[in-house]
Amino acid sequence: MVGVSHNNLARVKELLARNATLSLASWDWGFGDWEDALGAASHVGRPDIAEALLAHGARPSIFSAAMLGQLDVVKAFVAAVTFFPLGSLVRTNRDETGVVIRTNPKDPMHPVLGLVSDDLERLLGEVDTSVRNSSGVYERQVVGTLPQREQGVDLTKLLPSSDTLAVSA
């Protein structure tokens, strides 16, 4: 089922007519690389096959929503799942080191950071990476994450108390 869901609408419909639960079929391509029928249709851009699978009970995913142009679903997912969890140690485009202290629900790719001293011992100040300049360009962007253990960072010294670590309103 997964194999034909990449490219064969007629066969997908035939198999679904025999057994609708095949819309939930999945396959392990090896080493834990699982793919389900809807994922197969989604990653090759086959909305016709995806819609047939969904009509028979396939579970939608962020990938099927993106392929089907369901922008509202994709935006809701991105807003709900932050890319930079609280406490993440990051590098900015200005070669600054920061620790994520808050997320921006309306702009999840641009968290609020506490800038960290070169010795990684203290916070120097707070910056909101969602701020744009007069041209509409972000003033700061996170360009990478840093491994905390290898850097020898003690987050208890850098982060505000747990009751102040929260999602920005």
N, C-alpha and C. Protein backbone atom coordinates (compact mmCIF):
# COMPACT_ATOMS: atom_id res chain seq x y z
N MET A 1 0.82 -1.20 0.00
CA MET A 1 0.00 0.00 0.00
C MET A 1 0.86 1.26 0.00
N VAL A 2 1.90 1.27 0.84
CA VAL A 2 2.77 2.44 0.92
C VAL A 2 3.46 2.66 -0.42
N GLY A 3 3.94 1.62 -1.02
CA GLY A 3 4.63 1.74 -2.31
C GLY A 3 3.74 2.35 -3.38
N VAL A 4 2.52 1.87 -3.51
CA VAL A 4 1.63 2.39 -4.56
C VAL A 4 1.11 3.77 -4.23
N SER A 5 1.16 4.15 -2.94
CA SER A 5 0.68 5.48 -2.55
C SER A 5 1.60 6.60 -3.03
N HIS A 6 2.76 6.24 -3.53
CA HIS A 6 3.67 7.23 -4.12
C HIS A 6 3.18 7.69 -5.49
N ASN A 7 2.48 6.81 -6.23
CA ASN A 7 2.25 7.18 -7.64
C ASN A 7 1.09 6.50 -8.36
N ASN A 8 0.27 5.71 -7.69
CA ASN A 8 -0.72 4.93 -8.43
C ASN A 8 -2.11 5.09 -7.81
N LEU A 9 -2.81 6.14 -8.21
CA LEU A 9 -4.13 6.44 -7.66
C LEU A 9 -5.12 5.30 -7.89
N ALA A 10 -5.13 4.74 -9.08
CA ALA A 10 -6.09 3.67 -9.39
C ALA A 10 -5.90 2.48 -8.44
N ARG A 11 -4.66 2.10 -8.21
CA ARG A 11 -4.38 0.95 -7.33
C ARG A 11 -4.72 1.29 -5.87
N VAL A 12 -4.43 2.52 -5.45
CA VAL A 12 -4.79 2.95 -4.10
C VAL A 12 -6.29 2.82 -3.90
N LYS A 13 -7.07 3.34 -4.86
CA LYS A 13 -8.53 3.27 -4.75
C LYS A 13 -9.01 1.82 -4.72
N GLU A 14 -8.40 0.98 -5.52
CA GLU A 14 -8.77 -0.43 -5.55
C GLU A 14 -8.52 -1.10 -4.19
N LEU A 15 -7.37 -0.85 -3.62
CA LEU A 15 -7.03 -1.44 -2.33
C LEU A 15 -7.91 -0.89 -1.21
N LEU A 16 -8.20 0.41 -1.25
CA LEU A 16 -9.07 1.01 -0.23
C LEU A 16 -10.49 0.46 -0.32
N ALA A 17 -10.93 0.17 -1.53
CA ALA A 17 -12.27 -0.40 -1.71
C ALA A 17 -12.35 -1.79 -1.07
N ARG A 18 -11.26 -2.53 -1.09
CA ARG A 18 -11.22 -3.85 -0.47
C ARG A 18 -11.12 -3.76 1.05
N ASN A 19 -10.33 -2.77 1.53
CA ASN A 19 -10.10 -2.67 2.96
C ASN A 19 -9.69 -1.23 3.29
N ALA A 20 -10.62 -0.46 3.83
CA ALA A 20 -10.39 0.96 4.12
C ALA A 20 -9.27 1.18 5.13
N THR A 21 -9.02 0.20 6.01
CA THR A 21 -7.97 0.39 7.01
C THR A 21 -6.57 0.40 6.40
N LEU A 22 -6.47 0.04 5.13
CA LEU A 22 -5.17 0.15 4.46
C LEU A 22 -4.72 1.61 4.36
N SER A 23 -5.64 2.55 4.57
CA SER A 23 -5.26 3.96 4.59
C SER A 23 -4.27 4.25 5.72
N LEU A 24 -4.21 3.36 6.71
CA LEU A 24 -3.31 3.50 7.85
C LEU A 24 -2.03 2.69 7.71
N ALA A 25 -1.85 2.04 6.58
CA ALA A 25 -0.69 1.17 6.38
C ALA A 25 0.61 1.94 6.49
N SER A 26 1.63 1.28 7.04
CA SER A 26 2.96 1.87 7.12
C SER A 26 4.00 0.80 6.80
N TRP A 27 5.21 1.28 6.52
CA TRP A 27 6.29 0.38 6.12
C TRP A 27 7.59 0.88 6.72
N ASP A 28 8.40 -0.05 7.21
CA ASP A 28 9.72 0.29 7.72
C ASP A 28 10.72 0.04 6.61
N TRP A 29 11.27 1.12 6.05
CA TRP A 29 12.23 1.01 4.95
C TRP A 29 13.60 0.58 5.46
N GLY A 30 13.73 0.45 6.76
CA GLY A 30 14.99 0.01 7.36
C GLY A 30 15.53 1.05 8.32
N PHE A 31 16.16 0.58 9.38
CA PHE A 31 16.77 1.45 10.39
C PHE A 31 15.77 2.40 11.02
N GLY A 32 14.51 1.96 11.14
CA GLY A 32 13.49 2.77 11.77
C GLY A 32 12.93 3.88 10.91
N ASP A 33 13.19 3.83 9.62
CA ASP A 33 12.67 4.84 8.68
C ASP A 33 11.27 4.43 8.25
N TRP A 34 10.29 4.74 9.08
CA TRP A 34 8.90 4.37 8.83
C TRP A 34 8.23 5.40 7.93
N GLU A 35 7.41 4.90 7.03
CA GLU A 35 6.62 5.77 6.16
C GLU A 35 5.21 5.19 6.11
N ASP A 36 4.21 6.06 6.20
CA ASP A 36 2.85 5.58 6.03
C ASP A 36 2.36 5.98 4.64
N ALA A 37 1.20 5.45 4.28
CA ALA A 37 0.67 5.68 2.94
C ALA A 37 0.46 7.17 2.67
N LEU A 38 -0.08 7.89 3.64
CA LEU A 38 -0.29 9.32 3.46
C LEU A 38 1.03 10.07 3.35
N GLY A 39 2.01 9.66 4.13
CA GLY A 39 3.34 10.26 4.02
C GLY A 39 3.94 10.06 2.64
N ALA A 40 3.72 8.88 2.07
CA ALA A 40 4.22 8.59 0.72
C ALA A 40 3.60 9.55 -0.29
N ALA A 41 2.28 9.68 -0.24
CA ALA A 41 1.59 10.58 -1.16
C ALA A 41 2.01 12.03 -0.94
N SER A 42 2.23 12.39 0.31
CA SER A 42 2.55 13.78 0.65
C SER A 42 3.93 14.18 0.16
N HIS A 43 4.93 13.34 0.38
CA HIS A 43 6.28 13.77 0.03
C HIS A 43 6.57 13.74 -1.46
N VAL A 44 5.70 13.10 -2.23
CA VAL A 44 5.88 13.17 -3.69
C VAL A 44 4.87 14.12 -4.34
N GLY A 45 4.09 14.81 -3.51
CA GLY A 45 3.17 15.81 -4.04
C GLY A 45 1.99 15.25 -4.80
N ARG A 46 1.32 14.26 -4.23
CA ARG A 46 0.15 13.66 -4.87
C ARG A 46 -1.10 13.95 -4.06
N PRO A 47 -1.68 15.14 -4.22
CA PRO A 47 -2.89 15.46 -3.46
C PRO A 47 -4.06 14.54 -3.78
N ASP A 48 -4.14 14.03 -4.99
CA ASP A 48 -5.24 13.13 -5.36
C ASP A 48 -5.20 11.85 -4.52
N ILE A 49 -4.00 11.31 -4.37
CA ILE A 49 -3.84 10.10 -3.57
C ILE A 49 -4.05 10.42 -2.08
N ALA A 50 -3.50 11.54 -1.63
CA ALA A 50 -3.65 11.94 -0.22
C ALA A 50 -5.12 12.10 0.13
N GLU A 51 -5.89 12.75 -0.72
CA GLU A 51 -7.31 12.96 -0.43
C GLU A 51 -8.07 11.64 -0.39
N ALA A 52 -7.71 10.70 -1.25
CA ALA A 52 -8.35 9.38 -1.21
C ALA A 52 -8.04 8.68 0.12
N LEU A 53 -6.80 8.76 0.55
CA LEU A 53 -6.40 8.13 1.82
C LEU A 53 -7.10 8.80 3.01
N LEU A 54 -7.14 10.12 3.01
CA LEU A 54 -7.80 10.85 4.10
C LEU A 54 -9.29 10.51 4.16
N ALA A 55 -9.91 10.37 3.01
CA ALA A 55 -11.34 10.03 2.96
C ALA A 55 -11.61 8.65 3.55
N HIS A 56 -10.58 7.82 3.63
CA HIS A 56 -10.73 6.48 4.18
C HIS A 56 -10.10 6.34 5.56
N GLY A 57 -9.81 7.46 6.21
CA GLY A 57 -9.38 7.40 7.60
C GLY A 57 -7.90 7.60 7.88
N ALA A 58 -7.11 7.94 6.87
CA ALA A 58 -5.69 8.20 7.13
C ALA A 58 -5.57 9.37 8.10
N ARG A 59 -4.56 9.31 8.94
CA ARG A 59 -4.34 10.37 9.93
C ARG A 59 -3.53 11.51 9.30
N PRO A 60 -4.11 12.72 9.27
CA PRO A 60 -3.37 13.84 8.67
C PRO A 60 -2.13 14.18 9.49
N SER A 61 -1.16 14.75 8.82
CA SER A 61 0.09 15.17 9.47
C SER A 61 0.45 16.57 9.00
N ILE A 62 1.46 17.12 9.60
CA ILE A 62 1.95 18.44 9.18
C ILE A 62 2.39 18.38 7.72
N PHE A 63 2.92 17.25 7.29
CA PHE A 63 3.41 17.10 5.93
C PHE A 63 2.26 17.04 4.92
N SER A 64 1.21 16.30 5.28
CA SER A 64 0.06 16.25 4.36
C SER A 64 -0.63 17.61 4.32
N ALA A 65 -0.70 18.29 5.45
CA ALA A 65 -1.32 19.62 5.48
C ALA A 65 -0.53 20.59 4.60
N ALA A 66 0.79 20.54 4.68
CA ALA A 66 1.62 21.43 3.86
C ALA A 66 1.43 21.11 2.38
N MET A 67 1.44 19.85 2.03
CA MET A 67 1.29 19.46 0.62
C MET A 67 -0.08 19.83 0.08
N LEU A 68 -1.09 19.77 0.93
CA LEU A 68 -2.45 20.10 0.49
C LEU A 68 -2.75 21.60 0.58
N GLY A 69 -1.76 22.38 0.98
CA GLY A 69 -1.94 23.83 1.04
C GLY A 69 -2.79 24.31 2.21
N GLN A 70 -2.86 23.51 3.26
CA GLN A 70 -3.65 23.87 4.44
C GLN A 70 -2.79 24.74 5.36
N LEU A 71 -2.59 25.97 4.92
CA LEU A 71 -1.70 26.90 5.60
C LEU A 71 -2.10 27.16 7.04
N ASP A 72 -3.40 27.22 7.32
CA ASP A 72 -3.85 27.46 8.69
C ASP A 72 -3.41 26.34 9.63
N VAL A 73 -3.44 25.11 9.14
CA VAL A 73 -3.00 23.97 9.94
C VAL A 73 -1.49 24.04 10.17
N VAL A 74 -0.75 24.35 9.12
CA VAL A 74 0.71 24.44 9.24
C VAL A 74 1.09 25.55 10.22
N LYS A 75 0.44 26.71 10.10
CA LYS A 75 0.75 27.82 11.00
C LYS A 75 0.43 27.46 12.45
N ALA A 76 -0.68 26.79 12.67
CA ALA A 76 -1.05 26.39 14.03
C ALA A 76 -0.02 25.43 14.61
N PHE A 77 0.45 24.51 13.79
CA PHE A 77 1.47 23.56 14.24
C PHE A 77 2.75 24.28 14.61
N VAL A 78 3.20 25.15 13.74
CA VAL A 78 4.45 25.88 13.99
C VAL A 78 4.33 26.74 15.23
N ALA A 79 3.17 27.34 15.43
CA ALA A 79 2.97 28.18 16.62
C ALA A 79 2.97 27.35 17.90
N ALA A 80 2.50 26.11 17.80
CA ALA A 80 2.39 25.25 18.98
C ALA A 80 3.71 24.57 19.34
N VAL A 81 4.56 24.36 18.36
CA VAL A 81 5.82 23.65 18.57
C VAL A 81 6.96 24.62 18.35
N THR A 82 7.66 24.95 19.40
CA THR A 82 8.75 25.91 19.27
C THR A 82 9.99 25.23 18.72
N PHE A 83 10.73 25.97 17.94
CA PHE A 83 11.96 25.43 17.35
C PHE A 83 13.14 25.58 18.30
N PHE A 84 13.01 26.50 19.24
CA PHE A 84 14.09 26.75 20.20
C PHE A 84 13.52 26.64 21.61
N PRO A 85 13.59 25.43 22.20
CA PRO A 85 13.04 25.24 23.54
C PRO A 85 13.70 26.16 24.57
N LEU A 86 12.95 26.47 25.62
CA LEU A 86 13.49 27.28 26.70
C LEU A 86 14.76 26.64 27.24
N GLY A 87 15.77 27.46 27.44
CA GLY A 87 17.04 26.96 27.94
C GLY A 87 18.03 26.60 26.85
N SER A 88 17.62 26.64 25.59
CA SER A 88 18.54 26.32 24.50
C SER A 88 19.64 27.37 24.42
N LEU A 89 20.85 26.92 24.25
CA LEU A 89 21.99 27.81 24.06
C LEU A 89 22.16 28.01 22.56
N VAL A 90 22.18 29.27 22.12
CA VAL A 90 22.18 29.57 20.69
C VAL A 90 23.23 30.61 20.32
N ARG A 91 23.52 30.70 19.03
CA ARG A 91 24.41 31.72 18.47
C ARG A 91 23.58 32.59 17.55
N THR A 92 23.81 33.91 17.58
CA THR A 92 23.06 34.81 16.71
C THR A 92 23.90 35.19 15.49
N ASN A 93 23.25 35.85 14.53
CA ASN A 93 23.94 36.33 13.33
C ASN A 93 24.95 37.44 13.66
N ARG A 94 24.91 37.94 14.88
CA ARG A 94 25.88 38.95 15.33
C ARG A 94 27.01 38.31 16.13
N ASP A 95 27.12 36.99 16.06
CA ASP A 95 28.13 36.21 16.77
C ASP A 95 28.02 36.36 18.28
N GLU A 96 26.79 36.48 18.76
CA GLU A 96 26.51 36.56 20.19
C GLU A 96 26.04 35.17 20.66
N THR A 97 26.32 34.88 21.91
CA THR A 97 25.80 33.66 22.51
C THR A 97 24.63 34.07 23.39
N GLY A 98 23.55 33.29 23.28
CA GLY A 98 22.37 33.59 24.08
C GLY A 98 21.71 32.31 24.56
N VAL A 99 20.84 32.47 25.53
CA VAL A 99 20.05 31.37 26.04
C VAL A 99 18.58 31.76 25.84
N VAL A 100 17.78 30.85 25.31
CA VAL A 100 16.37 31.14 25.07
C VAL A 100 15.65 31.23 26.41
N ILE A 101 15.03 32.40 26.66
CA ILE A 101 14.32 32.58 27.92
C ILE A 101 12.80 32.69 27.73
N ARG A 102 12.36 32.98 26.52
CA ARG A 102 10.93 33.02 26.21
C ARG A 102 10.73 32.76 24.72
N THR A 103 9.55 32.27 24.38
CA THR A 103 9.19 32.12 22.98
C THR A 103 8.21 33.21 22.58
N ASN A 104 8.13 33.46 21.30
CA ASN A 104 7.17 34.41 20.74
C ASN A 104 6.11 33.60 20.00
N PRO A 105 4.92 33.42 20.55
CA PRO A 105 3.90 32.60 19.90
C PRO A 105 3.56 33.07 18.48
N LYS A 106 3.65 34.36 18.24
CA LYS A 106 3.32 34.86 16.91
C LYS A 106 4.51 34.79 15.95
N ASP A 107 5.69 34.48 16.47
CA ASP A 107 6.89 34.41 15.65
C ASP A 107 7.84 33.38 16.26
N PRO A 108 7.47 32.09 16.20
CA PRO A 108 8.21 31.05 16.93
C PRO A 108 9.65 30.86 16.51
N MET A 109 10.03 31.34 15.34
CA MET A 109 11.42 31.22 14.90
C MET A 109 12.30 32.31 15.50
N HIS A 110 11.71 33.24 16.25
CA HIS A 110 12.45 34.37 16.80
C HIS A 110 12.16 34.53 18.30
N PRO A 111 12.88 33.75 19.13
CA PRO A 111 12.65 33.77 20.57
C PRO A 111 13.28 35.00 21.24
N VAL A 112 12.95 35.17 22.51
CA VAL A 112 13.61 36.17 23.35
C VAL A 112 14.83 35.48 23.97
N LEU A 113 15.97 36.14 23.88
CA LEU A 113 17.22 35.58 24.37
C LEU A 113 17.76 36.39 25.54
N GLY A 114 18.45 35.71 26.41
CA GLY A 114 19.31 36.36 27.38
C GLY A 114 20.71 36.26 26.80
N LEU A 115 21.33 37.39 26.48
CA LEU A 115 22.69 37.36 25.95
C LEU A 115 23.65 36.95 27.06
N VAL A 116 24.62 36.11 26.73
CA VAL A 116 25.50 35.51 27.71
C VAL A 116 26.92 36.05 27.53
N SER A 117 27.60 36.27 28.66
CA SER A 117 28.98 36.74 28.63
C SER A 117 29.89 35.71 27.95
N ASP A 118 31.06 36.18 27.51
CA ASP A 118 32.01 35.28 26.83
C ASP A 118 32.42 34.09 27.69
N ASP A 119 32.47 34.30 29.00
CA ASP A 119 32.85 33.20 29.89
C ASP A 119 31.66 32.29 30.24
N LEU A 120 30.48 32.61 29.67
CA LEU A 120 29.25 31.83 29.86
C LEU A 120 28.81 31.76 31.31
N GLU A 121 29.16 32.79 32.07
CA GLU A 121 28.85 32.79 33.50
C GLU A 121 27.69 33.70 33.88
N ARG A 122 27.35 34.71 33.05
CA ARG A 122 26.30 35.65 33.45
C ARG A 122 25.55 36.19 32.24
N LEU A 123 24.33 36.64 32.51
CA LEU A 123 23.51 37.27 31.48
C LEU A 123 23.88 38.74 31.36
N LEU A 124 23.97 39.21 30.12
CA LEU A 124 24.33 40.61 29.87
C LEU A 124 23.12 41.48 29.59
N GLY A 125 22.04 40.86 29.21
CA GLY A 125 20.83 41.60 28.88
C GLY A 125 19.90 40.71 28.08
N GLU A 126 18.76 41.26 27.77
CA GLU A 126 17.71 40.51 27.08
C GLU A 126 17.46 41.14 25.71
N VAL A 127 17.30 40.28 24.69
CA VAL A 127 16.97 40.77 23.35
C VAL A 127 15.84 39.94 22.75
N ASP A 128 14.96 40.61 22.06
CA ASP A 128 13.84 39.96 21.38
C ASP A 128 14.24 39.83 19.91
N THR A 129 14.46 38.61 19.46
CA THR A 129 14.92 38.42 18.08
C THR A 129 13.81 38.61 17.05
N SER A 130 12.58 38.90 17.51
CA SER A 130 11.50 39.17 16.55
C SER A 130 11.45 40.65 16.14
N VAL A 131 12.30 41.48 16.75
CA VAL A 131 12.32 42.91 16.43
C VAL A 131 12.93 43.10 15.03
N ARG A 132 12.24 43.94 14.25
CA ARG A 132 12.72 44.24 12.89
C ARG A 132 13.15 45.70 12.82
N ASN A 133 14.07 45.98 11.89
CA ASN A 133 14.49 47.37 11.69
C ASN A 133 13.50 48.08 10.78
N SER A 134 13.78 49.33 10.45
CA SER A 134 12.85 50.13 9.66
C SER A 134 12.62 49.58 8.25
N SER A 135 13.53 48.72 7.78
CA SER A 135 13.37 48.09 6.46
C SER A 135 12.60 46.78 6.54
N GLY A 136 12.23 46.38 7.75
CA GLY A 136 11.49 45.13 7.92
C GLY A 136 12.36 43.91 8.09
N VAL A 137 13.68 44.11 8.21
CA VAL A 137 14.62 43.00 8.35
C VAL A 137 14.83 42.74 9.85
N TYR A 138 14.90 41.45 10.22
CA TYR A 138 15.15 41.11 11.62
C TYR A 138 16.51 41.65 12.04
N GLU A 139 16.55 42.27 13.21
CA GLU A 139 17.80 42.82 13.73
C GLU A 139 18.75 41.71 14.17
N ARG A 140 18.19 40.63 14.71
CA ARG A 140 18.98 39.47 15.13
C ARG A 140 18.26 38.22 14.70
N GLN A 141 19.05 37.21 14.37
CA GLN A 141 18.49 35.90 14.05
C GLN A 141 19.33 34.83 14.72
N VAL A 142 18.65 33.77 15.14
CA VAL A 142 19.36 32.61 15.65
C VAL A 142 19.89 31.86 14.44
N VAL A 143 21.20 31.61 14.43
CA VAL A 143 21.80 30.93 13.28
C VAL A 143 22.31 29.54 13.64
N GLY A 144 22.26 29.19 14.93
CA GLY A 144 22.67 27.85 15.31
C GLY A 144 22.46 27.60 16.78
N THR A 145 22.47 26.33 17.14
CA THR A 145 22.38 25.95 18.54
C THR A 145 23.74 25.43 18.98
N LEU A 146 24.02 25.54 20.26
CA LEU A 146 25.30 25.13 20.82
C LEU A 146 25.08 24.04 21.85
N PRO A 147 25.95 23.05 21.89
CA PRO A 147 25.82 21.98 22.89
C PRO A 147 26.19 22.51 24.27
N GLN A 148 25.26 22.46 25.20
CA GLN A 148 25.48 23.03 26.54
C GLN A 148 26.54 22.27 27.33
N ARG A 149 26.49 20.96 27.27
CA ARG A 149 27.43 20.17 28.07
C ARG A 149 28.86 20.39 27.62
N GLU A 150 29.08 20.41 26.29
CA GLU A 150 30.44 20.59 25.78
C GLU A 150 30.96 21.99 26.09
N GLN A 151 30.06 22.95 26.22
CA GLN A 151 30.46 24.32 26.54
C GLN A 151 30.66 24.52 28.04
N GLY A 152 30.23 23.54 28.84
CA GLY A 152 30.36 23.65 30.28
C GLY A 152 29.44 24.70 30.88
N VAL A 153 28.25 24.83 30.33
CA VAL A 153 27.32 25.87 30.76
C VAL A 153 26.47 25.37 31.93
N ASP A 154 26.35 26.20 32.95
CA ASP A 154 25.47 25.93 34.08
C ASP A 154 24.24 26.82 33.91
N LEU A 155 23.16 26.25 33.36
CA LEU A 155 21.96 27.03 33.09
C LEU A 155 21.33 27.62 34.34
N THR A 156 21.57 27.02 35.50
CA THR A 156 20.98 27.57 36.72
C THR A 156 21.54 28.96 37.01
N LYS A 157 22.73 29.26 36.52
CA LYS A 157 23.32 30.59 36.69
C LYS A 157 22.75 31.59 35.69
N LEU A 158 22.27 31.08 34.55
CA LEU A 158 21.87 31.96 33.46
C LEU A 158 20.37 32.20 33.35
N LEU A 159 19.59 31.21 33.73
CA LEU A 159 18.15 31.33 33.54
C LEU A 159 17.48 31.99 34.72
N PRO A 160 16.43 32.75 34.43
CA PRO A 160 15.60 33.27 35.53
C PRO A 160 14.98 32.08 36.26
N SER A 161 14.40 32.33 37.42
CA SER A 161 13.75 31.25 38.15
C SER A 161 12.66 30.63 37.29
N SER A 162 12.32 29.39 37.57
CA SER A 162 11.39 28.63 36.73
C SER A 162 10.01 29.31 36.64
N ASP A 163 9.62 30.08 37.66
CA ASP A 163 8.30 30.72 37.61
C ASP A 163 8.28 31.88 36.63
N THR A 164 9.45 32.39 36.20
CA THR A 164 9.46 33.47 35.23
C THR A 164 9.75 32.98 33.82
N LEU A 165 10.15 31.72 33.69
CA LEU A 165 10.33 31.15 32.36
C LEU A 165 8.97 30.80 31.80
N ALA A 166 8.53 31.53 30.83
CA ALA A 166 7.18 31.31 30.31
C ALA A 166 7.10 31.77 28.87
N VAL A 167 6.00 31.45 28.26
CA VAL A 167 5.74 31.89 26.90
C VAL A 167 5.28 33.34 26.98
N SER A 168 5.84 34.18 26.11
CA SER A 168 5.44 35.58 26.07
C SER A 168 3.99 35.71 25.68
N ALA A 169 3.31 36.67 26.24
CA ALA A 169 1.91 36.89 25.91
C ALA A 169 1.76 37.59 24.58
